[in-house]
């Protein structure tokens, strides 16, 4: 089964761009379990939507503007499975849910295959006060791809993410880098982290469906995700 969880070493490193690219490369469906920072109703900025994952179906679903699902849909045209929860505050899921006065539902991956699941932020982001993202990924048992930057600081950040995932029993599939080429940083992470480097996605300007698809084909081998 070609099913992968995408996590990152931090925010604003290009995780969602890579997730979109991988979704397109594999012809996969996409699922963002919990989306924060999206206002569903401008007249009620505190409104949240919690719908769980029972019977989640991508058919006919139009994701709300401003979220990662909408971005992936626009970049790839891929089927997007409804989020289990959409929360207005741009915070980690646990805090955004508390401020919205709702509980994060049980998160069970849909049966779609191939499937790309994008987590919120990094590996240790709290889903609830009692559940970290890495613990959730371990529960699912779906291979995790860590998206990392290439520049200063990435060695420590990436090795920390890998150790956190492995310590909790989450299966690590490899690391995908985003940014300018830095051969020594990439090689150091591969050697010390004992991890497969899947490829490097350069920053794209302009970022369009066409440039993203072309870059993914050039810099990543679909066989590494079979």
Protein backbone atom coordinates (compact mmCIF):
# COMPACT_ATOMS: atom_id res chain seq x y z
CA UNK A 1 0.00 0.00 0.00
CA UNK A 2 1.32 3.47 -0.90
CA UNK A 3 0.20 5.34 2.21
CA UNK A 4 2.38 7.95 3.88
CA UNK A 5 2.21 10.44 6.71
CA UNK A 6 3.95 13.77 6.16
CA UNK A 7 5.40 15.62 9.13
CA UNK A 8 7.93 18.41 9.41
CA UNK A 9 10.80 19.74 11.48
CA UNK A 10 8.97 23.03 12.04
CA UNK A 11 6.59 25.50 10.45
CA UNK A 12 6.96 27.24 7.09
CA UNK A 13 9.49 24.81 5.70
CA UNK A 14 7.47 23.71 2.68
CA UNK A 15 5.74 20.65 4.15
CA UNK A 16 2.41 21.32 2.47
CA UNK A 17 4.06 22.05 -0.88
CA UNK A 18 5.87 18.72 -0.68
CA UNK A 19 2.68 16.96 0.41
CA UNK A 20 0.90 18.39 -2.61
CA UNK A 21 3.75 17.37 -4.87
CA UNK A 22 3.78 13.81 -3.53
CA UNK A 23 0.00 13.58 -3.84
CA UNK A 24 0.28 14.50 -7.50
CA UNK A 25 3.29 12.27 -8.13
CA UNK A 26 1.51 9.21 -6.74
CA UNK A 27 -1.96 10.03 -8.03
CA UNK A 28 -3.02 9.79 -4.40
CA UNK A 29 -5.87 11.09 -2.28
CA UNK A 30 -5.00 13.67 0.37
CA UNK A 31 -6.14 13.95 3.98
CA UNK A 32 -5.44 16.65 6.56
CA UNK A 33 -6.91 15.22 9.78
CA UNK A 34 -7.03 18.51 11.70
CA UNK A 35 -6.91 21.93 10.02
CA UNK A 36 -6.31 24.97 12.18
CA UNK A 37 -6.31 28.63 11.24
CA UNK A 38 -9.32 28.45 8.91
CA UNK A 39 -12.40 30.57 9.55
CA UNK A 40 -15.46 28.83 8.18
CA UNK A 41 -17.96 31.62 8.77
CA UNK A 42 -16.75 35.25 8.62
CA UNK A 43 -19.75 36.34 10.69
CA UNK A 44 -18.75 33.92 13.45
CA UNK A 45 -14.98 33.74 13.63
CA UNK A 46 -15.12 31.29 16.54
CA UNK A 47 -17.07 28.63 14.65
CA UNK A 48 -15.45 25.22 14.41
CA UNK A 49 -16.39 22.08 12.51
CA UNK A 50 -15.89 18.65 14.04
CA UNK A 51 -17.11 15.78 11.92
CA UNK A 52 -14.83 12.84 12.70
CA UNK A 53 -13.70 10.35 10.09
CA UNK A 54 -16.52 7.84 9.98
CA UNK A 55 -17.63 7.52 6.39
CA UNK A 56 -15.25 10.25 5.19
CA UNK A 57 -15.44 10.41 1.41
CA UNK A 58 -13.59 12.62 -1.05
CA UNK A 59 -16.38 12.45 -3.63
CA UNK A 60 -17.77 15.90 -4.25
CA UNK A 61 -15.96 17.46 -1.28
CA UNK A 62 -14.90 21.10 -1.72
CA UNK A 63 -12.44 22.10 1.03
CA UNK A 64 -12.80 25.53 2.64
CA UNK A 65 -10.59 28.32 1.30
CA UNK A 66 -7.37 29.07 3.10
CA UNK A 67 -6.61 25.56 4.30
CA UNK A 68 -4.03 23.01 3.23
CA UNK A 69 -6.66 20.81 1.61
CA UNK A 70 -7.73 23.67 -0.65
CA UNK A 71 -4.10 24.30 -1.60
CA UNK A 72 -3.46 20.65 -2.44
CA UNK A 73 -6.68 20.45 -4.44
CA UNK A 74 -5.75 23.59 -6.41
CA UNK A 75 -2.21 22.38 -7.07
CA UNK A 76 -3.05 18.79 -8.05
CA UNK A 77 -6.77 18.33 -8.66
CA UNK A 78 -6.48 15.28 -6.39
CA UNK A 79 -9.36 13.86 -4.35
CA UNK A 80 -9.38 15.52 -0.93
CA UNK A 81 -10.89 13.68 2.01
CA UNK A 82 -12.81 15.89 4.49
CA UNK A 83 -10.94 17.02 7.57
CA UNK A 84 -12.00 15.48 10.88
CA UNK A 85 -11.86 18.92 12.48
CA UNK A 86 -11.51 22.49 11.21
CA UNK A 87 -10.59 25.05 13.87
CA UNK A 88 -10.32 28.85 13.53
CA UNK A 89 -7.23 29.71 15.58
CA UNK A 90 -3.81 29.27 13.88
CA UNK A 91 -2.42 27.22 16.75
CA UNK A 92 -1.55 23.61 17.46
CA UNK A 93 -4.60 21.33 17.36
CA UNK A 94 -4.83 20.86 21.12
CA UNK A 95 -4.99 24.58 21.87
CA UNK A 96 -7.11 25.53 18.87
CA UNK A 97 -9.67 22.93 19.94
CA UNK A 98 -9.70 24.18 23.52
CA UNK A 99 -10.28 27.77 22.42
CA UNK A 100 -13.07 26.64 20.09
CA UNK A 101 -14.70 24.68 22.91
CA UNK A 102 -14.61 21.36 21.04
CA UNK A 103 -12.85 18.02 21.38
CA UNK A 104 -10.62 16.52 18.72
CA UNK A 105 -12.40 13.36 17.56
CA UNK A 106 -10.86 9.95 17.15
CA UNK A 107 -8.61 10.16 14.10
CA UNK A 108 -8.71 7.04 11.95
CA UNK A 109 -7.11 7.12 8.50
CA UNK A 110 -9.52 6.51 5.62
CA UNK A 111 -9.16 3.41 3.47
CA UNK A 112 -7.98 5.30 0.38
CA UNK A 113 -4.87 3.95 -1.37
CA UNK A 114 -2.63 5.61 -2.41
CA UNK A 115 -3.01 8.17 0.34
CA UNK A 116 -1.00 11.14 1.61
CA UNK A 117 -1.78 12.28 5.16
CA UNK A 118 -0.40 15.61 6.32
CA UNK A 119 0.03 16.17 10.02
CA UNK A 120 -0.03 19.54 11.75
CA UNK A 121 3.45 21.06 12.08
CA UNK A 122 6.17 18.86 13.53
CA UNK A 123 6.43 15.40 15.01
CA UNK A 124 5.83 16.49 18.61
CA UNK A 125 2.92 18.84 18.01
CA UNK A 126 0.14 17.99 20.51
CA UNK A 127 -3.07 16.70 18.96
CA UNK A 128 -4.62 16.76 22.43
CA UNK A 129 -3.15 17.33 25.88
CA UNK A 130 -2.62 13.57 26.09
CA UNK A 131 -1.56 12.72 22.54
CA UNK A 132 1.42 13.91 20.51
CA UNK A 133 1.48 13.64 16.73
CA UNK A 134 4.30 11.07 16.85
CA UNK A 135 2.21 8.88 19.17
CA UNK A 136 -0.69 9.08 16.74
CA UNK A 137 1.55 8.15 13.81
CA UNK A 138 2.88 5.17 15.76
CA UNK A 139 -0.67 4.05 16.47
CA UNK A 140 -1.50 4.20 12.77
CA UNK A 141 1.65 2.32 11.73
CA UNK A 142 1.79 4.21 8.43
CA UNK A 143 5.30 5.12 7.19
CA UNK A 144 6.29 8.70 8.05
CA UNK A 145 8.17 11.08 5.77
CA UNK A 146 9.96 13.92 7.54
CA UNK A 147 10.12 17.14 5.53
CA UNK A 148 13.17 19.18 6.45
CA UNK A 149 14.85 22.40 5.39
CA UNK A 150 18.37 22.32 3.99
CA UNK A 151 19.97 25.30 5.70
CA UNK A 152 21.43 26.24 9.06
CA UNK A 153 19.86 24.42 12.01
CA UNK A 154 18.40 21.57 10.01
CA UNK A 155 20.78 18.90 11.31
CA UNK A 156 19.65 19.23 14.92
CA UNK A 157 15.99 19.78 14.02
CA UNK A 158 15.83 16.78 11.69
CA UNK A 159 17.75 14.38 13.92
CA UNK A 160 15.50 15.40 16.84
CA UNK A 161 12.39 14.67 14.78
CA UNK A 162 13.74 11.29 13.72
CA UNK A 163 14.61 10.30 17.29
CA UNK A 164 11.22 11.42 18.55
CA UNK A 165 9.39 9.35 15.95
CA UNK A 166 11.49 6.24 16.45
CA UNK A 167 11.33 6.45 20.24
CA UNK A 168 7.54 6.23 19.98
CA UNK A 169 7.56 3.39 17.49
CA UNK A 170 6.50 5.36 14.41
CA UNK A 171 7.91 3.84 11.20
CA UNK A 172 10.17 6.30 9.36
CA UNK A 173 10.18 6.03 5.58
CA UNK A 174 12.75 8.73 4.89
CA UNK A 175 13.50 12.44 4.73
CA UNK A 176 12.49 14.83 1.96
CA UNK A 177 14.34 18.14 1.87
CA UNK A 178 13.01 21.48 0.70
CA UNK A 179 15.29 24.36 -0.25
CA UNK A 180 18.62 25.15 -1.85
CA UNK A 181 21.10 22.32 -2.17
CA UNK A 182 23.39 21.76 0.83
CA UNK A 183 25.16 18.45 0.20
CA UNK A 184 26.97 18.30 3.53
CA UNK A 185 23.89 18.96 5.66
CA UNK A 186 21.94 16.38 3.69
CA UNK A 187 24.72 13.77 3.87
CA UNK A 188 25.27 14.39 7.59
CA UNK A 189 21.60 13.85 8.38
CA UNK A 190 21.53 10.69 6.27
CA UNK A 191 24.61 9.24 8.00
CA UNK A 192 23.95 10.18 11.61
CA UNK A 193 20.21 9.67 11.36
CA UNK A 194 20.58 6.35 9.51
CA UNK A 195 17.80 7.50 7.22
CA UNK A 196 17.05 7.39 3.53
CA UNK A 197 17.13 10.67 1.64
CA UNK A 198 14.16 10.62 -0.73
CA UNK A 199 15.10 13.77 -2.62
CA UNK A 200 15.16 17.55 -2.48
CA UNK A 201 12.46 19.89 -3.71
CA UNK A 202 13.86 23.31 -4.63
CA UNK A 203 11.95 26.47 -3.86
CA UNK A 204 9.79 27.19 -6.87
CA UNK A 205 9.14 30.64 -8.31
CA UNK A 206 6.58 30.66 -9.68
CA UNK A 207 4.87 27.90 -7.75
CA UNK A 208 2.23 26.49 -10.08
CA UNK A 209 0.71 23.05 -10.63
CA UNK A 210 2.98 22.67 -13.66
CA UNK A 211 6.24 23.71 -11.98
CA UNK A 212 5.50 21.58 -8.92
CA UNK A 213 4.70 18.49 -10.96
CA UNK A 214 7.83 18.94 -13.07
CA UNK A 215 10.05 19.44 -10.02
CA UNK A 216 8.68 16.34 -8.30
CA UNK A 217 9.31 14.23 -11.40
CA UNK A 218 12.85 15.57 -11.68
CA UNK A 219 13.90 15.29 -8.04
CA UNK A 220 11.99 12.27 -6.72
CA UNK A 221 11.71 8.66 -7.87
CA UNK A 222 8.18 7.21 -7.68
CA UNK A 223 9.77 3.81 -7.01
CA UNK A 224 10.88 5.10 -3.58
CA UNK A 225 7.21 5.39 -2.64
CA UNK A 226 5.96 2.08 -4.01
